[in-house]
Amino acid sequence: MLEVLTQTMTKIEDTSTMISKTYDIYIREKAIEMVNAKLEENKIDVAKVENNDYEAMVNDSCKDIKEKYAKRVSQGLMVIMGIDFLLG
């Protein structure tokens, strides 16, 4: 019985880690797209930007995207709670 619980907990942890990594990869891809679009908009060649500067821009964009998603999620939860309160 203990072995089954241990295996189940391990699978849950593995799934959680996989979802987190997938989310981070998705956010990073979106951030790279945003940075490349900004560079194109300013007519700057991506190859001419130093690696450290590019990574800093990508990390800043990742933060912005995560903040935006967090805000949307919290707004969505507030809406759900408000609807629940009204219908409750």
PDB file of N, CA and C in Angstrom:
ATOM      1  N   MET A   1       0.819  -1.195   0.000  1.00  0.00           N
ATOM      2  CA  MET A   1       0.000   0.000   0.000  1.00  0.00           C
ATOM      3  C   MET A   1       0.861   1.256   0.000  1.00  0.00           C
ATOM      4  N   LEU A   2       1.907   1.252   0.815  1.00  0.00           N
ATOM      5  CA  LEU A   2       2.804   2.392   0.891  1.00  0.00           C
ATOM      6  C   LEU A   2       3.522   2.603  -0.440  1.00  0.00           C
ATOM      7  N   GLU A   3       3.859   1.497  -1.094  1.00  0.00           N
ATOM      8  CA  GLU A   3       4.545   1.583  -2.389  1.00  0.00           C
ATOM      9  C   GLU A   3       3.647   2.230  -3.443  1.00  0.00           C
ATOM     10  N   VAL A   4       2.379   1.902  -3.434  1.00  0.00           N
ATOM     11  CA  VAL A   4       1.427   2.478  -4.386  1.00  0.00           C
ATOM     12  C   VAL A   4       1.311   3.982  -4.155  1.00  0.00           C
ATOM     13  N   LEU A   5       1.221   4.388  -2.893  1.00  0.00           N
ATOM     14  CA  LEU A   5       1.143   5.812  -2.572  1.00  0.00           C
ATOM     15  C   LEU A   5       2.413   6.547  -2.994  1.00  0.00           C
ATOM     16  N   THR A   6       3.557   5.923  -2.776  1.00  0.00           N
ATOM     17  CA  THR A   6       4.827   6.529  -3.160  1.00  0.00           C
ATOM     18  C   THR A   6       4.906   6.696  -4.671  1.00  0.00           C
ATOM     19  N   GLN A   7       4.504   5.675  -5.410  1.00  0.00           N
ATOM     20  CA  GLN A   7       4.515   5.754  -6.874  1.00  0.00           C
ATOM     21  C   GLN A   7       3.555   6.828  -7.372  1.00  0.00           C
ATOM     22  N   THR A   8       2.392   6.914  -6.755  1.00  0.00           N
ATOM     23  CA  THR A   8       1.404   7.918  -7.146  1.00  0.00           C
ATOM     24  C   THR A   8       1.942   9.320  -6.897  1.00  0.00           C
ATOM     25  N   MET A   9       2.547   9.534  -5.740  1.00  0.00           N
ATOM     26  CA  MET A   9       3.114  10.846  -5.422  1.00  0.00           C
ATOM     27  C   MET A   9       4.240  11.200  -6.385  1.00  0.00           C
ATOM     28  N   THR A  10       5.053  10.214  -6.744  1.00  0.00           N
ATOM     29  CA  THR A  10       6.137  10.448  -7.692  1.00  0.00           C
ATOM     30  C   THR A  10       5.581  10.841  -9.049  1.00  0.00           C
ATOM     31  N   LYS A  11       4.536  10.161  -9.495  1.00  0.00           N
ATOM     32  CA  LYS A  11       3.923  10.490 -10.782  1.00  0.00           C
ATOM     33  C   LYS A  11       3.323  11.894 -10.763  1.00  0.00           C
ATOM     34  N   ILE A  12       2.698  12.261  -9.664  1.00  0.00           N
ATOM     35  CA  ILE A  12       2.119  13.601  -9.546  1.00  0.00           C
ATOM     36  C   ILE A  12       3.220  14.656  -9.590  1.00  0.00           C
ATOM     37  N   GLU A  13       4.313  14.422  -8.882  1.00  0.00           N
ATOM     38  CA  GLU A  13       5.434  15.360  -8.885  1.00  0.00           C
ATOM     39  C   GLU A  13       6.048  15.467 -10.276  1.00  0.00           C
ATOM     40  N   ASP A  14       6.200  14.331 -10.961  1.00  0.00           N
ATOM     41  CA  ASP A  14       6.750  14.340 -12.313  1.00  0.00           C
ATOM     42  C   ASP A  14       5.846  15.115 -13.268  1.00  0.00           C
ATOM     43  N   THR A  15       4.549  14.920 -13.147  1.00  0.00           N
ATOM     44  CA  THR A  15       3.596  15.628 -13.999  1.00  0.00           C
ATOM     45  C   THR A  15       3.649  17.121 -13.724  1.00  0.00           C
ATOM     46  N   SER A  16       3.733  17.487 -12.469  1.00  0.00           N
ATOM     47  CA  SER A  16       3.823  18.895 -12.089  1.00  0.00           C
ATOM     48  C   SER A  16       5.090  19.533 -12.657  1.00  0.00           C
ATOM     49  N   THR A  17       6.200  18.831 -12.567  1.00  0.00           N
ATOM     50  CA  THR A  17       7.462  19.329 -13.109  1.00  0.00           C
ATOM     51  C   THR A  17       7.380  19.474 -14.621  1.00  0.00           C
ATOM     52  N   MET A  18       6.785  18.499 -15.289  1.00  0.00           N
ATOM     53  CA  MET A  18       6.653  18.546 -16.741  1.00  0.00           C
ATOM     54  C   MET A  18       5.789  19.734 -17.170  1.00  0.00           C
ATOM     55  N   ILE A  19       4.686  19.955 -16.478  1.00  0.00           N
ATOM     56  CA  ILE A  19       3.806  21.075 -16.810  1.00  0.00           C
ATOM     57  C   ILE A  19       4.540  22.395 -16.604  1.00  0.00           C
ATOM     58  N   SER A  20       5.283  22.502 -15.522  1.00  0.00           N
ATOM     59  CA  SER A  20       6.033  23.721 -15.230  1.00  0.00           C
ATOM     60  C   SER A  20       7.083  23.994 -16.304  1.00  0.00           C
ATOM     61  N   LYS A  21       7.806  22.952 -16.717  1.00  0.00           N
ATOM     62  CA  LYS A  21       8.822  23.118 -17.758  1.00  0.00           C
ATOM     63  C   LYS A  21       8.183  23.503 -19.090  1.00  0.00           C
ATOM     64  N   THR A  22       7.069  22.875 -19.424  1.00  0.00           N
ATOM     65  CA  THR A  22       6.370  23.189 -20.669  1.00  0.00           C
ATOM     66  C   THR A  22       5.892  24.632 -20.661  1.00  0.00           C
ATOM     67  N   TYR A  23       5.369  25.082 -19.532  1.00  0.00           N
ATOM     68  CA  TYR A  23       4.914  26.468 -19.383  1.00  0.00           C
ATOM     69  C   TYR A  23       6.081  27.435 -19.570  1.00  0.00           C
ATOM     70  N   ASP A  24       7.223  27.134 -18.926  1.00  0.00           N
ATOM     71  CA  ASP A  24       8.395  28.001 -19.050  1.00  0.00           C
ATOM     72  C   ASP A  24       8.903  28.057 -20.487  1.00  0.00           C
ATOM     73  N   ILE A  25       8.891  26.926 -21.178  1.00  0.00           N
ATOM     74  CA  ILE A  25       9.323  26.897 -22.578  1.00  0.00           C
ATOM     75  C   ILE A  25       8.382  27.734 -23.434  1.00  0.00           C
ATOM     76  N   TYR A  26       7.083  27.601 -23.213  1.00  0.00           N
ATOM     77  CA  TYR A  26       6.091  28.368 -23.968  1.00  0.00           C
ATOM     78  C   TYR A  26       6.283  29.873 -23.737  1.00  0.00           C
ATOM     79  N   ILE A  27       6.466  30.265 -22.483  1.00  0.00           N
ATOM     80  CA  ILE A  27       6.661  31.679 -22.151  1.00  0.00           C
ATOM     81  C   ILE A  27       7.932  32.198 -22.813  1.00  0.00           C
ATOM     82  N   ARG A  28       8.994  31.418 -22.769  1.00  0.00           N
ATOM     83  CA  ARG A  28      10.268  31.848 -23.373  1.00  0.00           C
ATOM     84  C   ARG A  28      10.116  32.018 -24.882  1.00  0.00           C
ATOM     85  N   GLU A  29       9.417  31.100 -25.542  1.00  0.00           N
ATOM     86  CA  GLU A  29       9.203  31.223 -26.987  1.00  0.00           C
ATOM     87  C   GLU A  29       8.441  32.498 -27.319  1.00  0.00           C
ATOM     88  N   LYS A  30       7.408  32.798 -26.535  1.00  0.00           N
ATOM     89  CA  LYS A  30       6.634  34.026 -26.746  1.00  0.00           C
ATOM     90  C   LYS A  30       7.507  35.258 -26.504  1.00  0.00           C
ATOM     91  N   ALA A  31       8.365  35.204 -25.491  1.00  0.00           N
ATOM     92  CA  ALA A  31       9.253  36.326 -25.192  1.00  0.00           C
ATOM     93  C   ALA A  31      10.250  36.548 -26.328  1.00  0.00           C
ATOM     94  N   ILE A  32      10.778  35.467 -26.882  1.00  0.00           N
ATOM     95  CA  ILE A  32      11.712  35.582 -28.005  1.00  0.00           C
ATOM     96  C   ILE A  32      11.013  36.202 -29.205  1.00  0.00           C
ATOM     97  N   GLU A  33       9.777  35.785 -29.460  1.00  0.00           N
ATOM     98  CA  GLU A  33       9.012  36.380 -30.560  1.00  0.00           C
ATOM     99  C   GLU A  33       8.815  37.875 -30.335  1.00  0.00           C
ATOM    100  N   MET A  34       8.504  38.266 -29.096  1.00  0.00           N
ATOM    101  CA  MET A  34       8.305  39.681 -28.786  1.00  0.00           C
ATOM    102  C   MET A  34       9.583  40.484 -28.986  1.00  0.00           C
ATOM    103  N   VAL A  35      10.702  39.947 -28.510  1.00  0.00           N
ATOM    104  CA  VAL A  35      11.983  40.647 -28.636  1.00  0.00           C
ATOM    105  C   VAL A  35      12.360  40.784 -30.105  1.00  0.00           C
ATOM    106  N   ASN A  36      12.205  39.711 -30.867  1.00  0.00           N
ATOM    107  CA  ASN A  36      12.529  39.779 -32.295  1.00  0.00           C
ATOM    108  C   ASN A  36      11.645  40.793 -33.015  1.00  0.00           C
ATOM    109  N   ALA A  37      10.374  40.854 -32.647  1.00  0.00           N
ATOM    110  CA  ALA A  37       9.464  41.824 -33.263  1.00  0.00           C
ATOM    111  C   ALA A  37       9.884  43.251 -32.922  1.00  0.00           C
ATOM    112  N   LYS A  38      10.280  43.478 -31.670  1.00  0.00           N
ATOM    113  CA  LYS A  38      10.735  44.815 -31.271  1.00  0.00           C
ATOM    114  C   LYS A  38      12.010  45.204 -32.008  1.00  0.00           C
ATOM    115  N   LEU A  39      12.918  44.244 -32.156  1.00  0.00           N
ATOM    116  CA  LEU A  39      14.162  44.537 -32.870  1.00  0.00           C
ATOM    117  C   LEU A  39      13.886  44.843 -34.340  1.00  0.00           C
ATOM    118  N   GLU A  40      12.996  44.081 -34.955  1.00  0.00           N
ATOM    119  CA  GLU A  40      12.626  44.342 -36.348  1.00  0.00           C
ATOM    120  C   GLU A  40      11.948  45.702 -36.486  1.00  0.00           C
ATOM    121  N   GLU A  41      11.107  46.028 -35.528  1.00  0.00           N
ATOM    122  CA  GLU A  41      10.393  47.305 -35.541  1.00  0.00           C
ATOM    123  C   GLU A  41      11.375  48.478 -35.502  1.00  0.00           C
ATOM    124  N   ASN A  42      12.465  48.305 -34.749  1.00  0.00           N
ATOM    125  CA  ASN A  42      13.486  49.345 -34.650  1.00  0.00           C
ATOM    126  C   ASN A  42      14.596  49.174 -35.684  1.00  0.00           C
ATOM    127  N   LYS A  43      14.393  48.220 -36.600  1.00  0.00           N
ATOM    128  CA  LYS A  43      15.341  47.938 -37.685  1.00  0.00           C
ATOM    129  C   LYS A  43      16.749  47.631 -37.159  1.00  0.00           C
ATOM    130  N   ILE A  44      16.781  46.761 -36.150  1.00  0.00           N
ATOM    131  CA  ILE A  44      18.049  46.311 -35.580  1.00  0.00           C
ATOM    132  C   ILE A  44      18.221  44.845 -35.932  1.00  0.00           C
ATOM    133  N   ASP A  45      19.395  44.498 -36.466  1.00  0.00           N
ATOM    134  CA  ASP A  45      19.679  43.115 -36.830  1.00  0.00           C
ATOM    135  C   ASP A  45      19.932  42.297 -35.564  1.00  0.00           C
ATOM    136  N   VAL A  46      19.256  41.183 -35.446  1.00  0.00           N
ATOM    137  CA  VAL A  46      19.379  40.323 -34.263  1.00  0.00           C
ATOM    138  C   VAL A  46      20.818  39.841 -34.101  1.00  0.00           C
ATOM    139  N   ALA A  47      21.498  39.587 -35.200  1.00  0.00           N
ATOM    140  CA  ALA A  47      22.871  39.084 -35.149  1.00  0.00           C
ATOM    141  C   ALA A  47      23.827  40.116 -34.552  1.00  0.00           C
ATOM    142  N   LYS A  48      23.479  41.395 -34.631  1.00  0.00           N
ATOM    143  CA  LYS A  48      24.358  42.448 -34.118  1.00  0.00           C
ATOM    144  C   LYS A  48      24.177  42.695 -32.622  1.00  0.00           C
ATOM    145  N   VAL A  49      23.134  42.134 -32.052  1.00  0.00           N
ATOM    146  CA  VAL A  49      22.883  42.308 -30.617  1.00  0.00           C
ATOM    147  C   VAL A  49      23.718  41.279 -29.858  1.00  0.00           C
ATOM    148  N   GLU A  50      24.398  41.746 -28.801  1.00  0.00           N
ATOM    149  CA  GLU A  50      25.220  40.829 -28.010  1.00  0.00           C
ATOM    150  C   GLU A  50      24.336  39.810 -27.294  1.00  0.00           C
ATOM    151  N   ASN A  51      24.891  38.643 -27.084  1.00  0.00           N
ATOM    152  CA  ASN A  51      24.145  37.543 -26.468  1.00  0.00           C
ATOM    153  C   ASN A  51      23.591  37.921 -25.098  1.00  0.00           C
ATOM    154  N   ASN A  52      24.418  38.565 -24.263  1.00  0.00           N
ATOM    155  CA  ASN A  52      23.970  38.940 -22.916  1.00  0.00           C
ATOM    156  C   ASN A  52      22.824  39.943 -22.976  1.00  0.00           C
ATOM    157  N   ASP A  53      22.915  40.899 -23.900  1.00  0.00           N
ATOM    158  CA  ASP A  53      21.848  41.889 -24.048  1.00  0.00           C
ATOM    159  C   ASP A  53      20.561  41.226 -24.530  1.00  0.00           C
ATOM    160  N   TYR A  54      20.702  40.308 -25.474  1.00  0.00           N
ATOM    161  CA  TYR A  54      19.539  39.602 -26.005  1.00  0.00           C
ATOM    162  C   TYR A  54      18.863  38.786 -24.904  1.00  0.00           C
ATOM    163  N   GLU A  55      19.669  38.079 -24.112  1.00  0.00           N
ATOM    164  CA  GLU A  55      19.118  37.281 -23.007  1.00  0.00           C
ATOM    165  C   GLU A  55      18.423  38.170 -21.980  1.00  0.00           C
ATOM    166  N   ALA A  56      19.002  39.343 -21.713  1.00  0.00           N
ATOM    167  CA  ALA A  56      18.377  40.272 -20.767  1.00  0.00           C
ATOM    168  C   ALA A  56      17.023  40.736 -21.296  1.00  0.00           C
ATOM    169  N   MET A  57      16.954  41.025 -22.597  1.00  0.00           N
ATOM    170  CA  MET A  57      15.687  41.450 -23.195  1.00  0.00           C
ATOM    171  C   MET A  57      14.655  40.324 -23.133  1.00  0.00           C
ATOM    172  N   VAL A  58      15.095  39.099 -23.406  1.00  0.00           N
ATOM    173  CA  VAL A  58      14.188  37.945 -23.358  1.00  0.00           C
ATOM    174  C   VAL A  58      13.691  37.726 -21.928  1.00  0.00           C
ATOM    175  N   ASN A  59      14.589  37.818 -20.950  1.00  0.00           N
ATOM    176  CA  ASN A  59      14.180  37.636 -19.553  1.00  0.00           C
ATOM    177  C   ASN A  59      13.194  38.716 -19.108  1.00  0.00           C
ATOM    178  N   ASP A  60      13.429  39.963 -19.537  1.00  0.00           N
ATOM    179  CA  ASP A  60      12.486  41.039 -19.212  1.00  0.00           C
ATOM    180  C   ASP A  60      11.122  40.768 -19.832  1.00  0.00           C
ATOM    181  N   SER A  61      11.121  40.286 -21.063  1.00  0.00           N
ATOM    182  CA  SER A  61       9.855  39.965 -21.726  1.00  0.00           C
ATOM    183  C   SER A  61       9.156  38.799 -21.035  1.00  0.00           C
ATOM    184  N   CYS A  62       9.928  37.821 -20.569  1.00  0.00           N
ATOM    185  CA  CYS A  62       9.346  36.691 -19.824  1.00  0.00           C
ATOM    186  C   CYS A  62       8.642  37.195 -18.571  1.00  0.00           C
ATOM    187  N   LYS A  63       9.295  38.104 -17.852  1.00  0.00           N
ATOM    188  CA  LYS A  63       8.680  38.671 -16.649  1.00  0.00           C
ATOM    189  C   LYS A  63       7.385  39.385 -16.993  1.00  0.00           C
ATOM    190  N   ASP A  64       7.422  40.180 -18.066  1.00  0.00           N
ATOM    191  CA  ASP A  64       6.222  40.920 -18.475  1.00  0.00           C
ATOM    192  C   ASP A  64       5.075  39.974 -18.812  1.00  0.00           C
ATOM    193  N   ILE A  65       5.387  38.912 -19.547  1.00  0.00           N
ATOM    194  CA  ILE A  65       4.354  37.946 -19.943  1.00  0.00           C
ATOM    195  C   ILE A  65       3.783  37.248 -18.714  1.00  0.00           C
ATOM    196  N   LYS A  66       4.648  36.821 -17.802  1.00  0.00           N
ATOM    197  CA  LYS A  66       4.180  36.137 -16.589  1.00  0.00           C
ATOM    198  C   LYS A  66       3.311  37.062 -15.738  1.00  0.00           C
ATOM    199  N   GLU A  67       3.700  38.339 -15.653  1.00  0.00           N
ATOM    200  CA  GLU A  67       2.884  39.296 -14.898  1.00  0.00           C
ATOM    201  C   GLU A  67       1.517  39.469 -15.543  1.00  0.00           C
ATOM    202  N   LYS A  68       1.510  39.539 -16.880  1.00  0.00           N
ATOM    203  CA  LYS A  68       0.249  39.711 -17.592  1.00  0.00           C
ATOM    204  C   LYS A  68      -0.652  38.494 -17.381  1.00  0.00           C
ATOM    205  N   TYR A  69      -0.076  37.283 -17.476  1.00  0.00           N
ATOM    206  CA  TYR A  69      -0.858  36.064 -17.263  1.00  0.00           C
ATOM    207  C   TYR A  69      -1.384  35.989 -15.831  1.00  0.00           C
ATOM    208  N   ALA A  70      -0.540  36.348 -14.862  1.00  0.00           N
ATOM    209  CA  ALA A  70      -0.962  36.316 -13.462  1.00  0.00           C
ATOM    210  C   ALA A  70      -2.119  37.283 -13.230  1.00  0.00           C
ATOM    211  N   LYS A  71      -2.034  38.439 -13.854  1.00  0.00           N
ATOM    212  CA  LYS A  71      -3.111  39.427 -13.714  1.00  0.00           C
ATOM    213  C   LYS A  71      -4.408  38.891 -14.314  1.00  0.00           C
ATOM    214  N   ARG A  72      -4.306  38.271 -15.484  1.00  0.00           N
ATOM    215  CA  ARG A  72      -5.500  37.716 -16.130  1.00  0.00           C
ATOM    216  C   ARG A  72      -6.125  36.605 -15.295  1.00  0.00           C
ATOM    217  N   VAL A  73      -5.282  35.745 -14.745  1.00  0.00           N
ATOM    218  CA  VAL A  73      -5.788  34.642 -13.927  1.00  0.00           C
ATOM    219  C   VAL A  73      -6.480  35.181 -12.679  1.00  0.00           C
ATOM    220  N   SER A  74      -5.851  36.160 -12.035  1.00  0.00           N
ATOM    221  CA  SER A  74      -6.473  36.713 -10.826  1.00  0.00           C
ATOM    222  C   SER A  74      -7.781  37.419 -11.159  1.00  0.00           C
ATOM    223  N   GLN A  75      -7.838  38.112 -12.296  1.00  0.00           N
ATOM    224  CA  GLN A  75      -9.089  38.751 -12.709  1.00  0.00           C
ATOM    225  C   GLN A  75     -10.157  37.699 -12.994  1.00  0.00           C
ATOM    226  N   GLY A  76      -9.757  36.618 -13.631  1.00  0.00           N
ATOM    227  CA  GLY A  76     -10.696  35.536 -13.911  1.00  0.00           C
ATOM    228  C   GLY A  76     -11.243  34.918 -12.638  1.00  0.00           C
ATOM    229  N   LEU A  77     -10.371  34.713 -11.656  1.00  0.00           N
ATOM    230  CA  LEU A  77     -10.823  34.156 -10.376  1.00  0.00           C
ATOM    231  C   LEU A  77     -11.773  35.113  -9.663  1.00  0.00           C
ATOM    232  N   MET A  78     -11.468  36.410  -9.753  1.00  0.00           N
ATOM    233  CA  MET A  78     -12.364  37.389  -9.128  1.00  0.00           C
ATOM    234  C   MET A  78     -13.735  37.382  -9.791  1.00  0.00           C
ATOM    235  N   VAL A  79     -13.750  37.227 -11.102  1.00  0.00           N
ATOM    236  CA  VAL A  79     -15.024  37.163 -11.818  1.00  0.00           C
ATOM    237  C   VAL A  79     -15.808  35.936 -11.374  1.00  0.00           C
ATOM    238  N   ILE A  80     -15.132  34.801 -11.299  1.00  0.00           N
ATOM    239  CA  ILE A  80     -15.801  33.564 -10.880  1.00  0.00           C
ATOM    240  C   ILE A  80     -16.337  33.700  -9.459  1.00  0.00           C
ATOM    241  N   MET A  81     -15.529  34.274  -8.570  1.00  0.00           N
ATOM    242  CA  MET A  81     -15.991  34.451  -7.187  1.00  0.00           C
ATOM    243  C   MET A  81     -17.161  35.423  -7.131  1.00  0.00           C
ATOM    244  N   GLY A  82     -17.119  36.455  -7.953  1.00  0.00           N
ATOM    245  CA  GLY A  82     -18.218  37.416  -7.992  1.00  0.00           C
ATOM    246  C   GLY A  82     -19.497  36.781  -8.488  1.00  0.00           C
ATOM    247  N   ILE A  83     -19.383  35.977  -9.526  1.00  0.00           N
ATOM    248  CA  ILE A  83     -20.564  35.287 -10.058  1.00  0.00           C
ATOM    249  C   ILE A  83     -21.099  34.308  -9.022  1.00  0.00           C
ATOM    250  N   ASP A  84     -20.191  33.595  -8.353  1.00  0.00           N
ATOM    251  CA  ASP A  84     -20.603  32.657  -7.317  1.00  0.00           C
ATOM    252  C   ASP A  84     -21.309  33.398  -6.186  1.00  0.00           C
ATOM    253  N   PHE A  85     -20.788  34.559  -5.827  1.00  0.00           N
ATOM    254  CA  PHE A  85     -21.396  35.356  -4.760  1.00  0.00           C
ATOM    255  C   PHE A  85     -22.792  35.821  -5.164  1.00  0.00           C
ATOM    256  N   LEU A  86     -22.931  36.234  -6.430  1.00  0.00           N
ATOM    257  CA  LEU A  86     -24.232  36.705  -6.904  1.00  0.00           C
ATOM    258  C   LEU A  86     -25.253  35.573  -6.983  1.00  0.00           C
ATOM    259  N   LEU A  87     -24.791  34.401  -7.431  1.00  0.00           N
ATOM    260  CA  LEU A  87     -25.709  33.274  -7.587  1.00  0.00           C
ATOM    261  C   LEU A  87     -25.921  32.512  -6.284  1.00  0.00           C
ATOM    262  N   GLY A  88     -24.942  32.618  -5.384  1.00  0.00           N
ATOM    263  CA  GLY A  88     -24.922  31.855  -4.149  1.00  0.00           C
ATOM    264  C   GLY A  88     -26.114  32.019  -3.325  1.00  0.00           C
TER     265      GLY A  88
END
